[in-house]
């Protein structure tokens, strides 16, 4: 209440905040939700609901975070001038937050490079390295609903920041008063003084050139597409790369073509969900393309639906990852370009089906924690420590994130869109759809199925509930799940595996619990790093598709009781 009263008296320079604070006077629950904590800064930066208060995304929490980043950079500068690249997508207040981040950096004597128009998140990762910056900021809430915005922070390597850097920035942020300790400069004054500089077209062209270098076939002009950027940042880069690989027949979903942070036709703009693709699917009925392509608002994830005899079949992130690994390895092998020691990377929650495919092509399959920064770290290791930059084939996450080159350190829907379209074109020439190819792979390697369940826990009580659930699972591990015996479990926070894979886990500590079942199935529980929810990842395997899906169904039914809800 003290902090609320202070904000109410402060002459705020965003009138939306004053109006919101005035409207909630006397509403204790509303006030508490906005002020019971400071929005938490971590390796994913900040993410939260847009609005007034310390627990909201607003110009003051953004400035404070940027002051913390500035302090950290200046303390580790060793006398060298510091610079930061900034990008934003179509989120509400995205331009404001990006410009004010630049202004705070400028006020601290740090050069800010700002994209003059909305750009995909991977283009920010690219700019950090291309412009030799010390850090990066991307104003985005990825695929969250419209009420969210976020602030992703990147290190000089183009990866999202490490835990150590996040802890250092957090310590700086916590030492600051949100109003009196933040240095400010007028944005236009910063531009005038040369402390803020717009990123030029040369960087955009260089980014697209490096994406195109990952191209695998000469001509994909036989493909017909419907594309939706979901009112986000993907349109310019994705359409330019599609044109470059020869695809001319592209129909863009008109309601979702232009940037709009309200996402009026897809309240939850996540290509993982059918509802977000509904407008695209409706257009497909009229246009009858080979493929529906959808990129999320910051264009780092891409989802597809495949024309299978007139029906549009949505493919999961795991299925596309499987298809891409097989396609890249197959084509490179055909072209005599498969490296001597090829490496592919995925996460601990992604499908196990990639393991036998990788083995067949002689590809080393590495696994890491959820979060593309960990895949980025492995790419960096291959380049720096192992002197093996060309060995990296593909990194992917089950949540629709893909990358086939080391030119960025984040998932890239521009690269993903290009490769998916080239893959569809390649198989179309053989008279096959991607669904046909996936069915062939299932028949060859077994019927692996995956599903993700989300259990939401909003507000202050929700966070406590999530902590309690994970603590209880850790202290009282289940002996069986959905009628199947648990034969092994891994605790990634304690870095220990028990049972069938007993030993130490050589990954960074993370609040993740994995249960392996006697029937070859698997269940993993982890709290989301960006949303107030516990995610349950289910992995089923059966002799037939029906059997595998039945195992998923049984685990889905068992999940609430496992969590005690």
Foldseek 3Di string as FASTA:
>chain_A
DVVLVVVQPDPDPPVQQNVVSVVCPPPVVVQCQQEVDAQDQFLQGGKAFDYDHRNHDDLLSLLLLLQLLLVLCVVVVVPPAAEEEEAEKLAVCRVVSRLFSLFLCVLSRHAYEYAPYHAFLLLQLLCLQVVQHQKYWYWALWQAFRRMIGIFIGGSNSFRDDRVSRVSSRVSSVVDDSPPRGGGDPSVVCVVVNSYHYDDVVSVVVVLVVLCVLFQDQALCVFAEEEAQLLARCQPLQVVSCVVRNHDRYHYLVVRHHHDSNSVQQRRCALQDVSNCVSVQVVCLVVVTQKYWYAIRSALFIWMWGQDVSDTHTDFQLLLVLLQVLVQLVSCVVVVNQDPAAEEEEEPLHAPLNVVSCVVSNYHYYYAHPDLSRVLVVLVCCVPVVVHNSRYAKYGYRSRFIDGHNSGSGGGNSSVSSSQSSSQSVVVVVVDGSVRVSVVSCLVRFQKDKDKDKDAQDGPVLVVLVVVLLVCCVVPPDQDALPFGFQKKAAQQVQAIDGPDGDGHPHHRFSKMKTATPQRKIWMWHQDPSHSIIMIMIMFTDRDNVRRVVVVVSRVVRVCVSSPD
